Amino acid sequence: MPSPSTPAHPPRGTTRRRWLTLALAVPGAVTLPGCGYNEFQRLDEEVRAAWAEVLNQYQRRADLVPNLVATVQGEAHFERETLTRVIEARARATAIQVTPEMLQDPQALQRFQAAQGELGSALSRLLAVAEQYPSLKANQGFADLRVQLEGTENRIAVARNRYIQAVQRYNTLARSFPTNLTAMVFGYAPKPGFAPADEASLAVPPKVEFPAPSR
């Protein structure tokens, strides 16, 4: 029999009741005003909408590339290496499967952004080289495609900026007290933002062959 000075262990039933009370209290606490649950829902939808617009503008750019390449390819003696870079970069960018899970995977998002960055760089090089061909610059079809491409690049920049801001607002909520408790309970992890492109991690470019010019 324990001495009067020895603290007695609480009965098992008491311990169970404490755990049960805690388990019921946590979900109840996060439903109180200020827990941020509804704000998490709103900001999560905002991030998804911003990301969808980023993808929409990237797709718009990818859709312009075939017509742009076909127009430039008709120019005699145009640099094949420049065209090859554009075609290969587009192939890599469009080959990456975009899923909702990408927004929670920093490595996947980085690979995707690296591929898009490479395509943007290749297109910039193509437009720079095109300046050396007066007949190409005078081609109305090429001029129209160039305007569309430059407009799309501006839209991409705007869409990316909106996505970055949306992620920042979401992550601030996920890391702030007391809403970070709600994030822990419901698994609202911070979302990754855009990272610098890492072209070395991209896949081996596909082989591209150009038909011989007709005489």
C-alpha atoms as a PDB file:
ATOM      1  CA  MET A   1       0.000   0.000   0.000  1.00  0.00           C
ATOM      2  CA  PRO A   2       1.555   3.381  -0.996  1.00  0.00           C
ATOM      3  CA  SER A   3       2.540   5.796   1.759  1.00  0.00           C
ATOM      4  CA  PRO A   4       0.513   9.035   2.215  1.00  0.00           C
ATOM      5  CA  SER A   5       3.383  11.050   0.623  1.00  0.00           C
ATOM      6  CA  THR A   6       3.459   8.957  -2.555  1.00  0.00           C
ATOM      7  CA  PRO A   7       1.265  10.447  -5.338  1.00  0.00           C
ATOM      8  CA  ALA A   8      -1.204   7.934  -6.653  1.00  0.00           C
ATOM      9  CA  HIS A   9      -1.528   7.369 -10.421  1.00  0.00           C
ATOM     10  CA  PRO A  10      -4.875   8.557 -11.797  1.00  0.00           C
ATOM     11  CA  PRO A  11      -7.293   5.789 -12.644  1.00  0.00           C
ATOM     12  CA  ARG A  12      -7.287   4.572 -16.225  1.00  0.00           C
ATOM     13  CA  GLY A  13     -10.789   5.841 -16.686  1.00  0.00           C
ATOM     14  CA  THR A  14      -9.682   9.363 -15.754  1.00  0.00           C
ATOM     15  CA  THR A  15      -6.859   9.295 -18.354  1.00  0.00           C
ATOM     16  CA  ARG A  16      -9.226   8.100 -21.037  1.00  0.00           C
ATOM     17  CA  ARG A  17     -11.707  10.833 -20.188  1.00  0.00           C
ATOM     18  CA  ARG A  18      -8.952  13.438 -20.508  1.00  0.00           C
ATOM     19  CA  TRP A  19      -7.959  12.195 -23.968  1.00  0.00           C
ATOM     20  CA  LEU A  20     -11.589  12.068 -25.023  1.00  0.00           C
ATOM     21  CA  THR A  21     -12.132  15.626 -23.820  1.00  0.00           C
ATOM     22  CA  LEU A  22      -9.055  16.798 -25.756  1.00  0.00           C
ATOM     23  CA  ALA A  23     -10.161  14.977 -28.906  1.00  0.00           C
ATOM     24  CA  LEU A  24     -13.556  16.659 -28.727  1.00  0.00           C
ATOM     25  CA  ALA A  25     -12.170  20.052 -27.791  1.00  0.00           C
ATOM     26  CA  VAL A  26      -9.776  20.427 -30.743  1.00  0.00           C
ATOM     27  CA  PRO A  27     -12.407  20.111 -33.499  1.00  0.00           C
ATOM     28  CA  GLY A  28     -14.675  22.341 -31.443  1.00  0.00           C
ATOM     29  CA  ALA A  29     -11.979  24.976 -31.063  1.00  0.00           C
ATOM     30  CA  VAL A  30     -11.289  25.214 -34.779  1.00  0.00           C
ATOM     31  CA  THR A  31     -14.946  25.966 -35.452  1.00  0.00           C
ATOM     32  CA  LEU A  32     -14.822  29.087 -33.290  1.00  0.00           C
ATOM     33  CA  PRO A  33     -14.647  32.516 -34.931  1.00  0.00           C
ATOM     34  CA  GLY A  34     -11.065  33.380 -35.842  1.00  0.00           C
ATOM     35  CA  CYS A  35      -9.961  29.791 -36.436  1.00  0.00           C
ATOM     36  CA  GLY A  36      -9.516  30.565 -40.119  1.00  0.00           C
ATOM     37  CA  TYR A  37     -11.236  27.494 -41.526  1.00  0.00           C
ATOM     38  CA  ASN A  38     -13.404  29.425 -43.969  1.00  0.00           C
ATOM     39  CA  GLU A  39     -10.455  31.632 -44.860  1.00  0.00           C
ATOM     40  CA  PHE A  40      -8.403  28.548 -45.715  1.00  0.00           C
ATOM     41  CA  GLN A  41     -11.149  27.447 -48.077  1.00  0.00           C
ATOM     42  CA  ARG A  42     -11.305  30.846 -49.736  1.00  0.00           C
ATOM     43  CA  LEU A  43      -7.546  31.219 -50.143  1.00  0.00           C
ATOM     44  CA  ASP A  44      -7.134  27.643 -51.354  1.00  0.00           C
ATOM     45  CA  GLU A  45      -9.662  28.324 -54.106  1.00  0.00           C
ATOM     46  CA  GLU A  46      -7.841  31.569 -54.887  1.00  0.00           C
ATOM     47  CA  VAL A  47      -4.545  29.712 -55.279  1.00  0.00           C
ATOM     48  CA  ARG A  48      -6.150  27.102 -57.529  1.00  0.00           C
ATOM     49  CA  ALA A  49      -7.755  29.762 -59.711  1.00  0.00           C
ATOM     50  CA  ALA A  50      -4.473  31.664 -60.013  1.00  0.00           C
ATOM     51  CA  TRP A  51      -2.633  28.461 -60.910  1.00  0.00           C
ATOM     52  CA  ALA A  52      -5.244  27.601 -63.545  1.00  0.00           C
ATOM     53  CA  GLU A  53      -4.642  30.987 -65.169  1.00  0.00           C
ATOM     54  CA  VAL A  54      -0.883  30.379 -65.183  1.00  0.00           C
ATOM     55  CA  LEU A  55      -1.447  27.071 -66.953  1.00  0.00           C
ATOM     56  CA  ASN A  56      -3.878  28.698 -69.375  1.00  0.00           C
ATOM     57  CA  GLN A  57      -1.301  31.278 -70.451  1.00  0.00           C
ATOM     58  CA  TYR A  58       1.479  28.701 -70.750  1.00  0.00           C
ATOM     59  CA  GLN A  59      -0.802  26.628 -72.965  1.00  0.00           C
ATOM     60  CA  ARG A  60      -1.591  29.694 -75.051  1.00  0.00           C
ATOM     61  CA  ARG A  61       2.121  30.182 -75.641  1.00  0.00           C
ATOM     62  CA  ALA A  62       2.669  26.524 -76.513  1.00  0.00           C
ATOM     63  CA  ASP A  63      -0.170  26.707 -79.050  1.00  0.00           C
ATOM     64  CA  LEU A  64       1.524  29.614 -80.828  1.00  0.00           C
ATOM     65  CA  VAL A  65       4.846  27.815 -81.250  1.00  0.00           C
ATOM     66  CA  PRO A  66       3.954  25.456 -84.159  1.00  0.00           C
ATOM     67  CA  ASN A  67       2.709  28.294 -86.377  1.00  0.00           C
ATOM     68  CA  LEU A  68       5.673  30.434 -85.409  1.00  0.00           C
ATOM     69  CA  VAL A  69       8.138  27.677 -86.228  1.00  0.00           C
ATOM     70  CA  ALA A  70       6.402  26.912 -89.528  1.00  0.00           C
ATOM     71  CA  THR A  71       6.592  30.565 -90.553  1.00  0.00           C
ATOM     72  CA  VAL A  72      10.251  30.935 -89.608  1.00  0.00           C
ATOM     73  CA  GLN A  73      11.152  27.605 -91.178  1.00  0.00           C
ATOM     74  CA  GLY A  74      10.097  28.971 -94.545  1.00  0.00           C
ATOM     75  CA  GLU A  75      12.886  31.541 -94.386  1.00  0.00           C
ATOM     76  CA  ALA A  76      15.909  30.339 -96.353  1.00  0.00           C
ATOM     77  CA  HIS A  77      19.058  29.674 -94.330  1.00  0.00           C
ATOM     78  CA  PHE A  78      17.418  30.434 -90.995  1.00  0.00           C
ATOM     79  CA  GLU A  79      19.418  29.066 -88.061  1.00  0.00           C
ATOM     80  CA  ARG A  80      18.325  25.470 -87.589  1.00  0.00           C
ATOM     81  CA  GLU A  81      19.873  25.299 -84.135  1.00  0.00           C
ATOM     82  CA  THR A  82      17.587  28.090 -82.941  1.00  0.00           C
ATOM     83  CA  LEU A  83      14.511  26.366 -84.333  1.00  0.00           C
ATOM     84  CA  THR A  84      15.600  23.052 -82.846  1.00  0.00           C
ATOM     85  CA  ARG A  85      15.913  24.601 -79.404  1.00  0.00           C
ATOM     86  CA  VAL A  86      12.387  25.992 -79.623  1.00  0.00           C
ATOM     87  CA  ILE A  87      10.848  22.715 -80.787  1.00  0.00           C
ATOM     88  CA  GLU A  88      12.682  20.652 -78.178  1.00  0.00           C
ATOM     89  CA  ALA A  89      11.871  23.103 -75.391  1.00  0.00           C
ATOM     90  CA  ARG A  90       8.182  23.039 -76.302  1.00  0.00           C
ATOM     91  CA  ALA A  91       8.245  19.227 -76.334  1.00  0.00           C
ATOM     92  CA  ARG A  92       9.679  19.140 -72.816  1.00  0.00           C
ATOM     93  CA  ALA A  93       7.299  21.762 -71.469  1.00  0.00           C
ATOM     94  CA  THR A  94       4.188  20.057 -72.828  1.00  0.00           C
ATOM     95  CA  ALA A  95       5.364  16.561 -71.843  1.00  0.00           C
ATOM     96  CA  ILE A  96       5.175  17.307 -68.114  1.00  0.00           C
ATOM     97  CA  GLN A  97       1.905  16.048 -66.683  1.00  0.00           C
ATOM     98  CA  VAL A  98       0.257  18.726 -64.588  1.00  0.00           C
ATOM     99  CA  THR A  99      -1.818  17.415 -61.676  1.00  0.00           C
ATOM    100  CA  PRO A 100      -3.422  19.095 -58.639  1.00  0.00           C
ATOM    101  CA  GLU A 101      -0.795  17.376 -56.484  1.00  0.00           C
ATOM    102  CA  MET A 102       1.910  19.480 -58.159  1.00  0.00           C
ATOM    103  CA  LEU A 103       0.886  22.426 -55.970  1.00  0.00           C
ATOM    104  CA  GLN A 104       2.067  20.437 -52.936  1.00  0.00           C
ATOM    105  CA  ASP A 105       5.279  19.119 -54.519  1.00  0.00           C
ATOM    106  CA  PRO A 106       8.120  21.690 -54.671  1.00  0.00           C
ATOM    107  CA  GLN A 107      10.336  19.432 -56.817  1.00  0.00           C
ATOM    108  CA  ALA A 108       7.614  18.780 -59.403  1.00  0.00           C
ATOM    109  CA  LEU A 109       6.738  22.463 -59.545  1.00  0.00           C
ATOM    110  CA  GLN A 110      10.402  23.339 -60.003  1.00  0.00           C
ATOM    111  CA  ARG A 111      10.789  20.888 -62.892  1.00  0.00           C
ATOM    112  CA  PHE A 112       7.677  22.279 -64.551  1.00  0.00           C
ATOM    113  CA  GLN A 113       8.834  25.855 -64.161  1.00  0.00           C
ATOM    114  CA  ALA A 114      12.328  24.998 -65.419  1.00  0.00           C
ATOM    115  CA  ALA A 115      10.824  23.552 -68.600  1.00  0.00           C
ATOM    116  CA  GLN A 116       8.652  26.624 -69.104  1.00  0.00           C
ATOM    117  CA  GLY A 117      11.624  28.888 -68.477  1.00  0.00           C
ATOM    118  CA  GLU A 118      13.650  27.069 -71.095  1.00  0.00           C
ATOM    119  CA  LEU A 119      10.877  27.485 -73.648  1.00  0.00           C
ATOM    120  CA  GLY A 120      10.662  31.185 -72.925  1.00  0.00           C
ATOM    121  CA  SER A 121      14.414  31.533 -73.341  1.00  0.00           C
ATOM    122  CA  ALA A 122      14.386  29.628 -76.647  1.00  0.00           C
ATOM    123  CA  LEU A 123      11.590  31.802 -78.000  1.00  0.00           C
ATOM    124  CA  SER A 124      13.431  34.970 -77.009  1.00  0.00           C
ATOM    125  CA  ARG A 125      16.472  33.728 -78.897  1.00  0.00           C
ATOM    126  CA  LEU A 126      14.362  32.959 -81.970  1.00  0.00           C
ATOM    127  CA  LEU A 127      12.878  36.460 -82.024  1.00  0.00           C
ATOM    128  CA  ALA A 128      16.332  37.976 -81.628  1.00  0.00           C
ATOM    129  CA  VAL A 129      17.713  35.972 -84.550  1.00  0.00           C
ATOM    130  CA  ALA A 130      14.684  36.877 -86.674  1.00  0.00           C
ATOM    131  CA  GLU A 131      15.782  40.512 -86.511  1.00  0.00           C
ATOM    132  CA  GLN A 132      18.628  39.591 -88.869  1.00  0.00           C
ATOM    133  CA  TYR A 133      16.204  38.620 -91.663  1.00  0.00           C
ATOM    134  CA  PRO A 134      14.512  41.646 -93.272  1.00  0.00           C
ATOM    135  CA  SER A 135      12.175  39.515 -95.363  1.00  0.00           C
ATOM    136  CA  LEU A 136      11.007  37.673 -92.252  1.00  0.00           C
ATOM    137  CA  LYS A 137      10.451  40.926 -90.396  1.00  0.00           C
ATOM    138  CA  ALA A 138       8.336  42.100 -93.326  1.00  0.00           C
ATOM    139  CA  ASN A 139       6.223  38.917 -93.233  1.00  0.00           C
ATOM    140  CA  GLN A 140       2.779  39.926 -91.930  1.00  0.00           C
ATOM    141  CA  GLY A 141       2.046  36.441 -90.603  1.00  0.00           C
ATOM    142  CA  PHE A 142       5.248  36.445 -88.588  1.00  0.00           C
ATOM    143  CA  ALA A 143       4.553  39.971 -87.345  1.00  0.00           C
ATOM    144  CA  ASP A 144       1.098  38.923 -86.109  1.00  0.00           C
ATOM    145  CA  LEU A 145       2.486  35.850 -84.363  1.00  0.00           C
ATOM    146  CA  ARG A 146       5.178  37.939 -82.723  1.00  0.00           C
ATOM    147  CA  VAL A 147       2.613  40.369 -81.344  1.00  0.00           C
ATOM    148  CA  GLN A 148       0.535  37.488 -79.995  1.00  0.00           C
ATOM    149  CA  LEU A 149       3.595  35.887 -78.432  1.00  0.00           C
ATOM    150  CA  GLU A 150       4.750  39.087 -76.767  1.00  0.00           C
ATOM    151  CA  GLY A 151       1.240  39.681 -75.441  1.00  0.00           C
ATOM    152  CA  THR A 152       1.149  36.145 -74.068  1.00  0.00           C
ATOM    153  CA  GLU A 153       4.479  36.617 -72.312  1.00  0.00           C
ATOM    154  CA  ASN A 154       3.025  39.670 -70.585  1.00  0.00           C
ATOM    155  CA  ARG A 155      -0.039  37.664 -69.550  1.00  0.00           C
ATOM    156  CA  ILE A 156       2.209  34.928 -68.192  1.00  0.00           C
ATOM    157  CA  ALA A 157       4.074  37.465 -66.074  1.00  0.00           C
ATOM    158  CA  VAL A 158       0.802  38.851 -64.686  1.00  0.00           C
ATOM    159  CA  ALA A 159      -0.609  35.374 -63.996  1.00  0.00           C
ATOM    160  CA  ARG A 160       2.587  34.263 -62.260  1.00  0.00           C
ATOM    161  CA  ASN A 161       2.570  37.352 -60.069  1.00  0.00           C
ATOM    162  CA  ARG A 162      -1.045  36.741 -59.040  1.00  0.00           C
ATOM    163  CA  TYR A 163      -0.226  33.139 -58.199  1.00  0.00           C
ATOM    164  CA  ILE A 164       2.782  34.189 -56.099  1.00  0.00           C
ATOM    165  CA  GLN A 165       0.625  36.658 -54.166  1.00  0.00           C
ATOM    166  CA  ALA A 166      -2.144  34.091 -53.651  1.00  0.00           C
ATOM    167  CA  VAL A 167       0.350  31.542 -52.295  1.00  0.00           C
ATOM    168  CA  GLN A 168       1.850  34.174 -50.007  1.00  0.00           C
ATOM    169  CA  ARG A 169      -1.548  34.966 -48.490  1.00  0.00           C
ATOM    170  CA  TYR A 170      -2.328  31.273 -48.020  1.00  0.00           C
ATOM    171  CA  ASN A 171       1.048  30.489 -46.450  1.00  0.00           C
ATOM    172  CA  THR A 172       0.818  33.476 -44.104  1.00  0.00           C
ATOM    173  CA  LEU A 173      -2.488  32.121 -42.817  1.00  0.00           C
ATOM    174  CA  ALA A 174      -1.053  28.603 -42.469  1.00  0.00           C
ATOM    175  CA  ARG A 175       1.893  29.832 -40.390  1.00  0.00           C
ATOM    176  CA  SER A 176       0.143  32.424 -38.222  1.00  0.00           C
ATOM    177  CA  PHE A 177      -1.364  31.822 -34.776  1.00  0.00           C
ATOM    178  CA  PRO A 178      -4.037  30.680 -34.065  1.00  0.00           C
ATOM    179  CA  THR A 179      -4.876  29.677 -37.632  1.00  0.00           C
ATOM    180  CA  ASN A 180      -1.776  27.474 -37.718  1.00  0.00           C
ATOM    181  CA  LEU A 181      -3.630  25.177 -35.284  1.00  0.00           C
ATOM    182  CA  THR A 182      -6.432  24.826 -37.805  1.00  0.00           C
ATOM    183  CA  ALA A 183      -3.816  24.088 -40.462  1.00  0.00           C
ATOM    184  CA  MET A 184      -2.345  21.334 -38.285  1.00  0.00           C
ATOM    185  CA  VAL A 185      -5.713  19.751 -37.570  1.00  0.00           C
ATOM    186  CA  PHE A 186      -6.892  19.733 -41.187  1.00  0.00           C
ATOM    187  CA  GLY A 187      -3.530  19.223 -42.858  1.00  0.00           C
ATOM    188  CA  TYR A 188      -3.288  22.605 -44.587  1.00  0.00           C
ATOM    189  CA  ALA A 189       0.427  22.584 -45.374  1.00  0.00           C
ATOM    190  CA  PRO A 190       2.150  25.668 -46.852  1.00  0.00           C
ATOM    191  CA  LYS A 191       2.190  25.649 -50.641  1.00  0.00           C
ATOM    192  CA  PRO A 192       5.417  25.899 -52.657  1.00  0.00           C
ATOM    193  CA  GLY A 193       6.042  28.939 -54.808  1.00  0.00           C
ATOM    194  CA  PHE A 194       8.014  29.239 -58.010  1.00  0.00           C
ATOM    195  CA  ALA A 195      11.676  28.234 -57.801  1.00  0.00           C
ATOM    196  CA  PRO A 196      14.563  29.090 -60.158  1.00  0.00           C
ATOM    197  CA  ALA A 197      14.701  26.945 -63.261  1.00  0.00           C
ATOM    198  CA  ASP A 198      17.085  24.003 -63.182  1.00  0.00           C
ATOM    199  CA  GLU A 199      17.597  23.067 -66.799  1.00  0.00           C
ATOM    200  CA  ALA A 200      20.140  20.373 -65.909  1.00  0.00           C
ATOM    201  CA  SER A 201      17.332  18.273 -64.402  1.00  0.00           C
ATOM    202  CA  LEU A 202      15.309  18.219 -67.602  1.00  0.00           C
ATOM    203  CA  ALA A 203      14.909  15.137 -69.729  1.00  0.00           C
ATOM    204  CA  VAL A 204      17.074  14.444 -72.765  1.00  0.00           C
ATOM    205  CA  PRO A 205      15.661  16.501 -75.653  1.00  0.00           C
ATOM    206  CA  PRO A 206      13.918  14.620 -78.441  1.00  0.00           C
ATOM    207  CA  LYS A 207      15.509  14.348 -81.857  1.00  0.00           C
ATOM    208  CA  VAL A 208      14.218  16.924 -84.313  1.00  0.00           C
ATOM    209  CA  GLU A 209      14.692  16.693 -88.076  1.00  0.00           C
ATOM    210  CA  PHE A 210      13.929  19.393 -90.598  1.00  0.00           C
ATOM    211  CA  PRO A 211      12.978  18.561 -94.169  1.00  0.00           C
ATOM    212  CA  ALA A 212      15.387  19.643 -96.841  1.00  0.00           C
ATOM    213  CA  PRO A 213      14.338  22.938 -98.466  1.00  0.00           C
ATOM    214  CA  SER A 214      12.648  22.551-101.822  1.00  0.00           C
ATOM    215  CA  ARG A 215      14.444  23.908-104.870  1.00  0.00           C
END
